[in-house]
Protein backbone atom coordinates (compact mmCIF):
# COMPACT_ATOMS: atom_id res chain seq x y z
CA UNK A 1 0.23 0.03 -0.09
CA UNK A 2 1.06 3.58 -0.74
CA UNK A 3 -0.58 4.75 2.08
CA UNK A 4 1.05 5.21 5.75
CA UNK A 5 -1.62 4.53 8.16
CA UNK A 6 -1.94 5.54 11.56
CA UNK A 7 -4.67 5.13 13.83
CA UNK A 8 -5.33 7.12 16.93
CA UNK A 9 -7.50 6.17 19.81
CA UNK A 10 -8.65 8.38 22.42
CA UNK A 11 -9.14 6.43 25.47
CA UNK A 12 -10.32 7.47 28.94
CA UNK A 13 -10.70 4.52 31.68
CA UNK A 14 -11.07 1.76 29.49
CA UNK A 15 -8.38 -0.76 30.39
CA UNK A 16 -10.98 -3.78 30.24
CA UNK A 17 -11.78 -3.09 26.75
CA UNK A 18 -8.70 -1.04 25.06
CA UNK A 19 -6.33 -4.46 24.42
CA UNK A 20 -8.70 -5.86 22.48
CA UNK A 21 -9.38 -2.94 20.12
CA UNK A 22 -5.64 -2.85 19.64
CA UNK A 23 -5.61 -6.65 18.87
CA UNK A 24 -8.38 -6.23 16.70
CA UNK A 25 -6.91 -4.03 14.28
CA UNK A 26 -5.11 -5.36 11.01
CA UNK A 27 -1.43 -5.55 11.66
CA UNK A 28 -0.78 -5.46 8.11
CA UNK A 29 -2.81 -2.24 7.26
CA UNK A 30 -1.22 -0.02 9.92
CA UNK A 31 2.29 1.42 10.92
CA UNK A 32 1.32 2.46 14.01
CA UNK A 33 -1.20 2.62 16.85
CA UNK A 34 -1.53 5.45 19.13
CA UNK A 35 -3.54 5.62 22.11
CA UNK A 36 -4.30 9.09 24.27
CA UNK A 37 -4.77 7.96 27.28
CA UNK A 38 -7.12 10.88 28.79
CA UNK A 39 -6.36 11.11 32.46
CA UNK A 40 -7.47 7.79 32.95
CA UNK A 41 -7.44 6.29 36.68
CA UNK A 42 -7.38 2.83 35.71
CA UNK A 43 -4.63 0.50 34.40
CA UNK A 44 -5.42 1.99 30.49
CA UNK A 45 -2.11 3.07 30.09
CA UNK A 46 -0.45 -0.18 31.21
CA UNK A 47 -3.07 -2.45 28.95
CA UNK A 48 -2.39 -0.55 26.27
CA UNK A 49 1.38 -0.27 26.03
CA UNK A 50 1.71 -3.98 26.94
CA UNK A 51 -0.79 -4.68 23.74
CA UNK A 52 1.73 -2.83 21.99
CA UNK A 53 0.40 0.63 21.21
CA UNK A 54 2.37 3.88 21.60
CA UNK A 55 0.84 5.39 24.34
CA UNK A 56 0.48 9.49 25.01
CA UNK A 57 -0.54 11.27 27.71
CA UNK A 58 -3.16 14.20 27.84
CA UNK A 59 -4.38 15.17 31.26
CA UNK A 60 -7.06 17.57 30.17
CA UNK A 61 -10.34 15.53 29.65
CA UNK A 62 -11.77 15.78 26.91
CA UNK A 63 -12.50 13.78 23.66
CA UNK A 64 -11.27 16.24 21.37
CA UNK A 65 -8.04 17.32 23.54
CA UNK A 66 -7.26 13.85 23.16
CA UNK A 67 -7.49 14.01 19.29
CA UNK A 68 -5.43 16.84 18.92
CA UNK A 69 -2.72 15.50 21.12
CA UNK A 70 -2.67 12.34 18.79
CA UNK A 71 -2.37 14.58 15.64
CA UNK A 72 0.37 16.65 17.25
CA UNK A 73 2.38 13.33 17.58
CA UNK A 74 1.44 12.16 13.96
CA UNK A 75 2.78 15.47 12.84
CA UNK A 76 5.89 14.25 14.21
CA UNK A 77 6.22 10.82 12.67
CA UNK A 78 4.70 11.11 9.62
CA UNK A 79 6.95 12.90 6.91
CA UNK A 80 4.35 12.74 3.79
CA UNK A 81 1.32 14.08 4.87
CA UNK A 82 -0.49 13.68 1.57
CA UNK A 83 0.34 9.77 1.69
CA UNK A 84 -0.77 9.05 5.17
CA UNK A 85 -4.15 8.27 6.46
CA UNK A 86 -5.56 9.15 9.79
CA UNK A 87 -7.97 6.74 11.47
CA UNK A 88 -10.09 7.68 14.68
CA UNK A 89 -11.65 4.64 16.48
CA UNK A 90 -12.78 4.61 20.50
CA UNK A 91 -11.43 2.40 22.86
CA UNK A 92 -14.72 0.87 23.92
CA UNK A 93 -14.76 -1.99 21.50
CA UNK A 94 -17.81 -0.68 19.90
CA UNK A 95 -16.51 -0.91 16.89
CA UNK A 96 -15.26 -3.71 15.12
CA UNK A 97 -11.79 -2.65 14.26
CA UNK A 98 -11.28 -5.54 11.39
CA UNK A 99 -13.47 -3.57 9.52
CA UNK A 100 -10.51 -0.84 9.17
CA UNK A 101 -9.88 -2.10 5.59
CA UNK A 102 -13.42 -1.07 4.39
CA UNK A 103 -13.07 2.08 5.78
CA UNK A 104 -9.77 2.98 4.68
CA UNK A 105 -10.20 1.94 1.17
CA UNK A 106 -12.38 4.87 -0.51
CA UNK A 107 -9.35 7.10 0.30
CA UNK A 108 -6.66 4.30 -1.11
CA UNK A 109 -8.28 3.50 -3.90
CA UNK A 110 -11.16 5.70 -4.69
CA UNK A 111 -9.62 9.09 -4.66
CA UNK A 112 -11.91 10.61 -1.18
CA UNK A 113 -10.37 12.30 1.33
CA UNK A 114 -12.39 11.41 4.25
CA UNK A 115 -14.27 8.19 4.93
CA UNK A 116 -17.20 8.08 7.86
CA UNK A 117 -18.09 4.34 9.46
CA UNK A 118 -21.65 4.81 9.32
CA UNK A 119 -23.39 2.69 12.04
CA UNK A 120 -26.75 3.79 10.36
CA UNK A 121 -25.56 1.99 7.14
CA UNK A 122 -24.38 -1.31 9.39
CA UNK A 123 -25.31 -3.66 11.37
CA UNK A 124 -25.92 -2.04 15.09
CA UNK A 125 -26.73 -4.65 18.16
CA UNK A 126 -29.62 -4.61 20.14
CA UNK A 127 -28.99 -1.57 22.97
CA UNK A 128 -25.44 -0.62 21.64
CA UNK A 129 -26.95 2.69 21.13
CA UNK A 130 -29.40 4.50 23.11
CA UNK A 131 -32.43 6.30 21.99
CA UNK A 132 -31.03 10.08 22.50
CA UNK A 133 -28.02 8.96 20.64
CA UNK A 134 -29.90 7.42 17.66
CA UNK A 135 -32.12 10.79 18.00
CA UNK A 136 -29.26 13.16 18.14
CA UNK A 137 -27.80 11.52 14.93
CA UNK A 138 -30.56 11.85 13.04
CA UNK A 139 -31.35 15.63 13.91
CA UNK A 140 -27.44 16.75 13.14
CA UNK A 141 -27.32 14.87 10.10
CA UNK A 142 -30.70 16.75 9.05
CA UNK A 143 -28.86 20.06 9.95
CA UNK A 144 -25.93 19.14 8.23
CA UNK A 145 -28.15 18.76 5.19
CA UNK A 146 -29.78 21.78 5.53
CA UNK A 147 -26.92 24.10 6.50
CA UNK A 148 -23.97 22.66 4.44
CA UNK A 149 -25.92 20.63 1.68
CA UNK A 150 -23.27 17.32 2.97
CA UNK A 151 -25.27 13.95 3.26
CA UNK A 152 -24.44 12.15 6.14
CA UNK A 153 -26.05 9.44 7.85
CA UNK A 154 -24.02 9.22 10.81
CA UNK A 155 -21.51 10.97 13.18
CA UNK A 156 -19.82 7.89 13.95
CA UNK A 157 -16.30 7.94 15.49
CA UNK A 158 -15.03 5.17 13.71
CA UNK A 159 -13.27 7.18 10.33
CA UNK A 160 -10.45 7.81 8.12
CA UNK A 161 -9.12 10.97 7.06
CA UNK A 162 -5.92 11.91 4.70
CA UNK A 163 -3.34 13.50 6.75
CA UNK A 164 -2.93 16.73 5.09
CA UNK A 165 -6.68 17.17 4.47
CA UNK A 166 -7.16 17.01 8.17
CA UNK A 167 -4.29 19.67 8.91
CA UNK A 168 -6.28 21.95 6.31
CA UNK A 169 -9.06 21.74 8.11
CA UNK A 170 -7.42 23.05 11.11
CA UNK A 171 -9.71 21.04 13.82
CA UNK A 172 -10.23 23.15 17.23
CA UNK A 173 -13.09 21.05 18.89
CA UNK A 174 -11.67 19.99 22.79
CA UNK A 175 -14.89 18.02 23.74
CA UNK A 176 -17.89 16.87 22.66
CA UNK A 177 -18.21 18.74 19.13
CA UNK A 178 -14.92 17.11 17.57
CA UNK A 179 -17.11 14.59 14.84
CA UNK A 180 -19.25 17.02 13.80
CA UNK A 181 -16.75 19.64 13.29
CA UNK A 182 -14.84 17.43 11.09
CA UNK A 183 -17.78 17.02 8.99
CA UNK A 184 -18.82 20.41 9.04
CA UNK A 185 -15.49 21.59 7.73
CA UNK A 186 -15.03 18.45 4.84
CA UNK A 187 -18.34 20.25 3.54
CA UNK A 188 -16.91 23.80 3.74
CA UNK A 189 -13.34 23.09 2.43
CA UNK A 190 -15.01 20.87 -0.38
CA UNK A 191 -13.29 17.74 0.35
CA UNK A 192 -14.28 14.58 -1.28
CA UNK A 193 -16.38 12.30 1.38
CA UNK A 194 -18.22 9.30 1.44
CA UNK A 195 -19.71 6.71 4.18
CA UNK A 196 -19.36 2.81 4.48
CA UNK A 197 -21.31 0.80 6.74
CA UNK A 198 -20.08 -0.44 9.73
CA UNK A 199 -21.39 -3.11 12.38
CA UNK A 200 -21.72 -1.76 16.11
CA UNK A 201 -22.02 -3.76 19.31
CA UNK A 202 -22.53 -2.84 23.37
CA UNK A 203 -19.67 -1.02 24.40
CA UNK A 204 -17.28 -2.39 27.09
CA UNK A 205 -18.49 -0.61 30.18
CA UNK A 206 -20.46 2.65 30.86
CA UNK A 207 -20.63 5.55 27.91
CA UNK A 208 -18.94 8.38 29.56
CA UNK A 209 -21.37 10.83 27.40
CA UNK A 210 -24.73 9.08 26.77
CA UNK A 211 -24.33 6.91 29.81
CA UNK A 212 -24.74 9.73 32.04
CA UNK A 213 -28.21 12.43 31.76
CA UNK A 214 -25.18 15.46 32.17
CA UNK A 215 -23.51 13.93 29.39
CA UNK A 216 -25.91 13.41 26.97
CA UNK A 217 -26.76 17.01 27.58
CA UNK A 218 -23.35 18.48 26.96
CA UNK A 219 -22.81 16.43 23.81
CA UNK A 220 -25.99 17.52 22.83
CA UNK A 221 -25.70 21.11 23.10
CA UNK A 222 -21.83 21.38 21.43
CA UNK A 223 -22.94 19.33 18.82
CA UNK A 224 -25.81 21.74 17.89
CA UNK A 225 -23.57 25.07 19.10
CA UNK A 226 -20.63 23.67 16.46
CA UNK A 227 -23.66 22.99 13.44
CA UNK A 228 -24.42 26.71 13.85
CA UNK A 229 -21.15 28.22 14.82
CA UNK A 230 -19.41 27.12 11.25
CA UNK A 231 -22.74 28.01 9.19
């Protein structure tokens, strides 16, 4: 493969799942797996290192903070940004890392810049997404179409983007608005993007976002705020 693939996994208290995620990533596809330990209070760091990942520490809690730390590291190790792909995947084992070739292939073979793994197009295990998650994704993607004429079915965290284009869109969000900011900016910068179906299962442990009322409210507010911010 001409492209070099680097995986970034934000992780906060994922000791029971992070090793499974790392072990299921196709080794013949990926040059390096980077786990960003986002102020975990459990053994996430130790488990990730033992599984063979590069582990970075980001003590400022927030999904975006962790992703930005991973991007900063990628800039230091990936020389040809136009021939590098960054894959983002969660550390809770709700995605199927084995499907990573399907997510990166449209960039490698189809000349796309960004690919979203859509849970809406794939098979979801019963109970893997809460009703508020399903509704929130539906609403956000409708607003993406209305405001930016961008066709999406999901804000799924499992995604791939060519590294030079990721740097071009200058991601800024530090918390819950990360995924939707990337999709908004992809539309505004006229990147070539598509979706592929990915399957989804119940995560290991309790979600830090949809698993709490506070997290659900904050995430919903931040996603809507981001959609209106860049309009």
